[in-house]
PDB file of N, CA and C in Angstrom:
ATOM      1  N   UNK A   1     -20.712  23.003   5.221  1.00  0.00           N
ATOM      2  CA  UNK A   1     -21.081  21.970   6.151  1.00  0.00           C
ATOM      3  C   UNK A   1     -20.606  20.605   5.648  1.00  0.00           C
ATOM      4  N   UNK A   2     -20.833  20.304   4.373  1.00  0.00           N
ATOM      5  CA  UNK A   2     -20.429  18.993   3.873  1.00  0.00           C
ATOM      6  C   UNK A   2     -18.925  18.919   3.696  1.00  0.00           C
ATOM      7  N   UNK A   3     -18.238  20.067   3.646  1.00  0.00           N
ATOM      8  CA  UNK A   3     -16.778  20.069   3.523  1.00  0.00           C
ATOM      9  C   UNK A   3     -16.091  19.541   4.783  1.00  0.00           C
ATOM     10  N   UNK A   4     -16.757  19.563   5.888  1.00  0.00           N
ATOM     11  CA  UNK A   4     -16.195  18.996   7.120  1.00  0.00           C
ATOM     12  C   UNK A   4     -16.691  17.580   7.367  1.00  0.00           C
ATOM     13  N   UNK A   5     -17.876  17.264   6.885  1.00  0.00           N
ATOM     14  CA  UNK A   5     -18.442  15.943   7.151  1.00  0.00           C
ATOM     15  C   UNK A   5     -17.857  14.851   6.265  1.00  0.00           C
ATOM     16  N   UNK A   6     -17.631  15.163   4.984  1.00  0.00           N
ATOM     17  CA  UNK A   6     -17.140  14.152   4.038  1.00  0.00           C
ATOM     18  C   UNK A   6     -15.732  13.676   4.399  1.00  0.00           C
ATOM     19  N   UNK A   7     -14.763  14.571   4.647  1.00  0.00           N
ATOM     20  CA  UNK A   7     -13.435  14.076   5.040  1.00  0.00           C
ATOM     21  C   UNK A   7     -13.444  13.320   6.372  1.00  0.00           C
ATOM     22  N   UNK A   8     -14.302  13.739   7.281  1.00  0.00           N
ATOM     23  CA  UNK A   8     -14.392  13.022   8.554  1.00  0.00           C
ATOM     24  C   UNK A   8     -14.956  11.609   8.349  1.00  0.00           C
ATOM     25  N   UNK A   9     -15.904  11.488   7.439  1.00  0.00           N
ATOM     26  CA  UNK A   9     -16.469  10.173   7.148  1.00  0.00           C
ATOM     27  C   UNK A   9     -15.419   9.256   6.528  1.00  0.00           C
ATOM     28  N   UNK A  10     -14.666   9.787   5.531  1.00  0.00           N
ATOM     29  CA  UNK A  10     -13.665   8.963   4.874  1.00  0.00           C
ATOM     30  C   UNK A  10     -12.451   8.714   5.750  1.00  0.00           C
ATOM     31  N   UNK A  11     -12.191   9.583   6.701  1.00  0.00           N
ATOM     32  CA  UNK A  11     -11.102   9.330   7.647  1.00  0.00           C
ATOM     33  C   UNK A  11     -11.476   8.191   8.589  1.00  0.00           C
ATOM     34  N   UNK A  12     -12.751   8.081   8.879  1.00  0.00           N
ATOM     35  CA  UNK A  12     -13.208   7.015   9.766  1.00  0.00           C
ATOM     36  C   UNK A  12     -13.275   5.665   9.040  1.00  0.00           C
ATOM     37  N   UNK A  13     -13.748   5.691   7.797  1.00  0.00           N
ATOM     38  CA  UNK A  13     -13.887   4.472   7.000  1.00  0.00           C
ATOM     39  C   UNK A  13     -12.952   4.554   5.792  1.00  0.00           C
ATOM     40  N   UNK A  14     -11.672   4.380   6.006  1.00  0.00           N
ATOM     41  CA  UNK A  14     -10.668   4.565   4.954  1.00  0.00           C
ATOM     42  C   UNK A  14     -10.777   3.540   3.838  1.00  0.00           C
ATOM     43  N   UNK A  15     -11.174   2.344   4.150  1.00  0.00           N
ATOM     44  CA  UNK A  15     -11.212   1.286   3.147  1.00  0.00           C
ATOM     45  C   UNK A  15     -12.500   1.210   2.357  1.00  0.00           C
ATOM     46  N   UNK A  16     -13.460   2.054   2.650  1.00  0.00           N
ATOM     47  CA  UNK A  16     -14.756   1.978   1.976  1.00  0.00           C
ATOM     48  C   UNK A  16     -14.675   2.241   0.471  1.00  0.00           C
ATOM     49  N   UNK A  17     -13.967   3.275  -0.004  1.00  0.00           N
ATOM     50  CA  UNK A  17     -13.885   3.447  -1.469  1.00  0.00           C
ATOM     51  C   UNK A  17     -13.143   2.305  -2.158  1.00  0.00           C
ATOM     52  N   UNK A  18     -12.165   1.727  -1.491  1.00  0.00           N
ATOM     53  CA  UNK A  18     -11.433   0.600  -2.068  1.00  0.00           C
ATOM     54  C   UNK A  18     -12.354  -0.610  -2.196  1.00  0.00           C
ATOM     55  N   UNK A  19     -13.142  -0.870  -1.152  1.00  0.00           N
ATOM     56  CA  UNK A  19     -14.088  -1.981  -1.214  1.00  0.00           C
ATOM     57  C   UNK A  19     -15.184  -1.729  -2.241  1.00  0.00           C
ATOM     58  N   UNK A  20     -15.596  -0.483  -2.391  1.00  0.00           N
ATOM     59  CA  UNK A  20     -16.593  -0.157  -3.416  1.00  0.00           C
ATOM     60  C   UNK A  20     -16.021  -0.403  -4.812  1.00  0.00           C
ATOM     61  N   UNK A  21     -14.755  -0.059  -5.019  1.00  0.00           N
ATOM     62  CA  UNK A  21     -14.115  -0.322  -6.309  1.00  0.00           C
ATOM     63  C   UNK A  21     -14.013  -1.803  -6.604  1.00  0.00           C
ATOM     64  N   UNK A  22     -13.649  -2.586  -5.602  1.00  0.00           N
ATOM     65  CA  UNK A  22     -13.576  -4.041  -5.776  1.00  0.00           C
ATOM     66  C   UNK A  22     -14.964  -4.606  -6.066  1.00  0.00           C
ATOM     67  N   UNK A  23     -15.974  -4.064  -5.401  1.00  0.00           N
ATOM     68  CA  UNK A  23     -17.345  -4.513  -5.649  1.00  0.00           C
ATOM     69  C   UNK A  23     -17.813  -4.203  -7.057  1.00  0.00           C
ATOM     70  N   UNK A  24     -17.456  -3.017  -7.572  1.00  0.00           N
ATOM     71  CA  UNK A  24     -17.833  -2.669  -8.943  1.00  0.00           C
ATOM     72  C   UNK A  24     -17.149  -3.578  -9.957  1.00  0.00           C
ATOM     73  N   UNK A  25     -15.888  -3.899  -9.711  1.00  0.00           N
ATOM     74  CA  UNK A  25     -15.173  -4.795 -10.623  1.00  0.00           C
ATOM     75  C   UNK A  25     -15.787  -6.191 -10.591  1.00  0.00           C
ATOM     76  N   UNK A  26     -16.116  -6.684  -9.398  1.00  0.00           N
ATOM     77  CA  UNK A  26     -16.734  -8.008  -9.277  1.00  0.00           C
ATOM     78  C   UNK A  26     -18.129  -8.025  -9.904  1.00  0.00           C
ATOM     79  N   UNK A  27     -18.879  -6.933  -9.749  1.00  0.00           N
ATOM     80  CA  UNK A  27     -20.203  -6.859 -10.358  1.00  0.00           C
ATOM     81  C   UNK A  27     -20.108  -6.860 -11.880  1.00  0.00           C
ATOM     82  N   UNK A  28     -19.142  -6.138 -12.417  1.00  0.00           N
ATOM     83  CA  UNK A  28     -18.946  -6.140 -13.864  1.00  0.00           C
ATOM     84  C   UNK A  28     -18.563  -7.508 -14.389  1.00  0.00           C
ATOM     85  N   UNK A  29     -17.748  -8.230 -13.619  1.00  0.00           N
ATOM     86  CA  UNK A  29     -17.375  -9.590 -14.028  1.00  0.00           C
ATOM     87  C   UNK A  29     -18.579 -10.521 -14.002  1.00  0.00           C
ATOM     88  N   UNK A  30     -19.391 -10.414 -12.956  1.00  0.00           N
ATOM     89  CA  UNK A  30     -20.554 -11.294 -12.841  1.00  0.00           C
ATOM     90  C   UNK A  30     -21.608 -10.986 -13.901  1.00  0.00           C
ATOM     91  N   UNK A  31     -21.755  -9.715 -14.267  1.00  0.00           N
ATOM     92  CA  UNK A  31     -22.773  -9.349 -15.253  1.00  0.00           C
ATOM     93  C   UNK A  31     -22.412  -9.790 -16.661  1.00  0.00           C
ATOM     94  N   UNK A  32     -21.172 -10.169 -16.902  1.00  0.00           N
ATOM     95  CA  UNK A  32     -20.796 -10.655 -18.230  1.00  0.00           C
ATOM     96  C   UNK A  32     -21.484 -11.969 -18.574  1.00  0.00           C
ATOM     97  N   UNK A  33     -21.912 -12.699 -17.566  1.00  0.00           N
ATOM     98  CA  UNK A  33     -22.512 -14.014 -17.790  1.00  0.00           C
ATOM     99  C   UNK A  33     -24.044 -13.962 -17.779  1.00  0.00           C
ATOM    100  N   UNK A  34     -24.604 -12.772 -17.632  1.00  0.00           N
ATOM    101  CA  UNK A  34     -26.056 -12.607 -17.581  1.00  0.00           C
ATOM    102  C   UNK A  34     -26.493 -11.833 -18.832  1.00  0.00           C
ATOM    103  N   UNK A  35     -27.465 -12.348 -19.576  1.00  0.00           N
ATOM    104  CA  UNK A  35     -27.955 -11.570 -20.733  1.00  0.00           C
ATOM    105  C   UNK A  35     -28.747 -10.356 -20.243  1.00  0.00           C
ATOM    106  N   UNK A  36     -28.296  -9.167 -20.615  1.00  0.00           N
ATOM    107  CA  UNK A  36     -28.905  -7.944 -20.114  1.00  0.00           C
ATOM    108  C   UNK A  36     -29.837  -7.272 -21.108  1.00  0.00           C
ATOM    109  N   UNK A  37     -29.870  -7.751 -22.325  1.00  0.00           N
ATOM    110  CA  UNK A  37     -30.750  -7.153 -23.334  1.00  0.00           C
ATOM    111  C   UNK A  37     -30.282  -5.760 -23.707  1.00  0.00           C
ATOM    112  N   UNK A  38     -31.116  -4.741 -23.452  1.00  0.00           N
ATOM    113  CA  UNK A  38     -30.740  -3.388 -23.861  1.00  0.00           C
ATOM    114  C   UNK A  38     -29.557  -2.822 -23.067  1.00  0.00           C
ATOM    115  N   UNK A  39     -29.263  -3.362 -21.917  1.00  0.00           N
ATOM    116  CA  UNK A  39     -28.130  -2.888 -21.115  1.00  0.00           C
ATOM    117  C   UNK A  39     -26.859  -3.672 -21.402  1.00  0.00           C
ATOM    118  N   UNK A  40     -26.812  -4.351 -22.523  1.00  0.00           N
ATOM    119  CA  UNK A  40     -25.646  -5.158 -22.877  1.00  0.00           C
ATOM    120  C   UNK A  40     -24.401  -4.295 -23.097  1.00  0.00           C
ATOM    121  N   UNK A  41     -24.580  -3.026 -23.443  1.00  0.00           N
ATOM    122  CA  UNK A  41     -23.442  -2.128 -23.649  1.00  0.00           C
ATOM    123  C   UNK A  41     -22.646  -1.942 -22.358  1.00  0.00           C
ATOM    124  N   UNK A  42     -23.302  -2.171 -21.236  1.00  0.00           N
ATOM    125  CA  UNK A  42     -22.644  -2.017 -19.932  1.00  0.00           C
ATOM    126  C   UNK A  42     -21.494  -2.997 -19.776  1.00  0.00           C
ATOM    127  N   UNK A  43     -21.672  -4.218 -20.246  1.00  0.00           N
ATOM    128  CA  UNK A  43     -20.609  -5.208 -20.144  1.00  0.00           C
ATOM    129  C   UNK A  43     -19.683  -5.185 -21.352  1.00  0.00           C
ATOM    130  N   UNK A  44     -20.209  -4.781 -22.511  1.00  0.00           N
ATOM    131  CA  UNK A  44     -19.357  -4.737 -23.709  1.00  0.00           C
ATOM    132  C   UNK A  44     -18.280  -3.663 -23.605  1.00  0.00           C
ATOM    133  N   UNK A  45     -18.584  -2.566 -22.946  1.00  0.00           N
ATOM    134  CA  UNK A  45     -17.614  -1.479 -22.823  1.00  0.00           C
ATOM    135  C   UNK A  45     -16.748  -1.604 -21.572  1.00  0.00           C
ATOM    136  N   UNK A  46     -17.020  -2.590 -20.729  1.00  0.00           N
ATOM    137  CA  UNK A  46     -16.304  -2.777 -19.460  1.00  0.00           C
ATOM    138  C   UNK A  46     -16.371  -1.527 -18.590  1.00  0.00           C
ATOM    139  N   UNK A  47     -17.520  -0.883 -18.587  1.00  0.00           N
ATOM    140  CA  UNK A  47     -17.704   0.353 -17.840  1.00  0.00           C
ATOM    141  C   UNK A  47     -17.486   0.139 -16.351  1.00  0.00           C
ATOM    142  N   UNK A  48     -18.039  -0.931 -15.806  1.00  0.00           N
ATOM    143  CA  UNK A  48     -17.903  -1.172 -14.372  1.00  0.00           C
ATOM    144  C   UNK A  48     -16.465  -1.513 -13.992  1.00  0.00           C
ATOM    145  N   UNK A  49     -15.726  -2.137 -14.890  1.00  0.00           N
ATOM    146  CA  UNK A  49     -14.319  -2.428 -14.632  1.00  0.00           C
ATOM    147  C   UNK A  49     -13.519  -1.136 -14.493  1.00  0.00           C
ATOM    148  N   UNK A  50     -13.699  -0.232 -15.451  1.00  0.00           N
ATOM    149  CA  UNK A  50     -12.951   1.020 -15.421  1.00  0.00           C
ATOM    150  C   UNK A  50     -13.401   1.922 -14.278  1.00  0.00           C
ATOM    151  N   UNK A  51     -14.694   1.946 -14.021  1.00  0.00           N
ATOM    152  CA  UNK A  51     -15.211   2.750 -12.914  1.00  0.00           C
ATOM    153  C   UNK A  51     -14.720   2.214 -11.573  1.00  0.00           C
ATOM    154  N   UNK A  52     -14.711   0.900 -11.416  1.00  0.00           N
ATOM    155  CA  UNK A  52     -14.217   0.294 -10.186  1.00  0.00           C
ATOM    156  C   UNK A  52     -12.736   0.530  -9.978  1.00  0.00           C
ATOM    157  N   UNK A  53     -11.956   0.476 -11.052  1.00  0.00           N
ATOM    158  CA  UNK A  53     -10.520   0.740 -10.941  1.00  0.00           C
ATOM    159  C   UNK A  53     -10.270   2.193 -10.549  1.00  0.00           C
ATOM    160  N   UNK A  54     -11.030   3.123 -11.125  1.00  0.00           N
ATOM    161  CA  UNK A  54     -10.859   4.539 -10.789  1.00  0.00           C
ATOM    162  C   UNK A  54     -11.262   4.817  -9.346  1.00  0.00           C
ATOM    163  N   UNK A  55     -12.367   4.242  -8.908  1.00  0.00           N
ATOM    164  CA  UNK A  55     -12.814   4.445  -7.524  1.00  0.00           C
ATOM    165  C   UNK A  55     -11.808   3.842  -6.550  1.00  0.00           C
ATOM    166  N   UNK A  56     -11.281   2.669  -6.873  1.00  0.00           N
ATOM    167  CA  UNK A  56     -10.296   2.036  -6.003  1.00  0.00           C
ATOM    168  C   UNK A  56      -9.008   2.838  -5.904  1.00  0.00           C
ATOM    169  N   UNK A  57      -8.528   3.346  -7.036  1.00  0.00           N
ATOM    170  CA  UNK A  57      -7.307   4.157  -7.007  1.00  0.00           C
ATOM    171  C   UNK A  57      -7.514   5.462  -6.259  1.00  0.00           C
ATOM    172  N   UNK A  58      -8.646   6.103  -6.473  1.00  0.00           N
ATOM    173  CA  UNK A  58      -8.933   7.317  -5.715  1.00  0.00           C
ATOM    174  C   UNK A  58      -9.092   7.023  -4.221  1.00  0.00           C
ATOM    175  N   UNK A  59      -9.621   5.851  -3.902  1.00  0.00           N
ATOM    176  CA  UNK A  59      -9.732   5.462  -2.498  1.00  0.00           C
ATOM    177  C   UNK A  59      -8.379   5.277  -1.846  1.00  0.00           C
ATOM    178  N   UNK A  60      -7.426   4.700  -2.574  1.00  0.00           N
ATOM    179  CA  UNK A  60      -6.062   4.538  -2.054  1.00  0.00           C
ATOM    180  C   UNK A  60      -5.425   5.899  -1.832  1.00  0.00           C
ATOM    181  N   UNK A  61      -5.576   6.801  -2.797  1.00  0.00           N
ATOM    182  CA  UNK A  61      -5.017   8.143  -2.654  1.00  0.00           C
ATOM    183  C   UNK A  61      -5.667   8.905  -1.503  1.00  0.00           C
ATOM    184  N   UNK A  62      -6.961   8.760  -1.358  1.00  0.00           N
ATOM    185  CA  UNK A  62      -7.671   9.446  -0.290  1.00  0.00           C
ATOM    186  C   UNK A  62      -7.277   8.906   1.082  1.00  0.00           C
ATOM    187  N   UNK A  63      -7.144   7.595   1.183  1.00  0.00           N
ATOM    188  CA  UNK A  63      -6.751   7.005   2.461  1.00  0.00           C
ATOM    189  C   UNK A  63      -5.323   7.421   2.845  1.00  0.00           C
ATOM    190  N   UNK A  64      -4.449   7.543   1.861  1.00  0.00           N
ATOM    191  CA  UNK A  64      -3.084   7.966   2.128  1.00  0.00           C
ATOM    192  C   UNK A  64      -3.047   9.444   2.531  1.00  0.00           C
ATOM    193  N   UNK A  65      -3.859  10.271   1.898  1.00  0.00           N
ATOM    194  CA  UNK A  65      -3.867  11.706   2.211  1.00  0.00           C
ATOM    195  C   UNK A  65      -4.465  11.974   3.594  1.00  0.00           C
ATOM    196  N   UNK A  66      -5.462  11.194   3.978  1.00  0.00           N
ATOM    197  CA  UNK A  66      -6.101  11.422   5.271  1.00  0.00           C
ATOM    198  C   UNK A  66      -5.331  10.791   6.420  1.00  0.00           C
ATOM    199  N   UNK A  67      -4.347   9.993   6.089  1.00  0.00           N
ATOM    200  CA  UNK A  67      -3.479   9.430   7.117  1.00  0.00           C
ATOM    201  C   UNK A  67      -4.106   8.284   7.780  1.00  0.00           C
TER     202      UNK A  67
END
């Protein structure tokens, strides 16, 4: 059931994963200026930067594959 719904959703909203990737990168940039205490490793490792780049690239590939 979800094998038909997920591609139909992404075919309708092709730019959503790309925008989510851009949002993750922007969130990671903004969090660098906020003291996070125990979650400081989140900005030190640039996790949101790498995750946002991966989501954005997969979004581009998915949008191209779905036409």
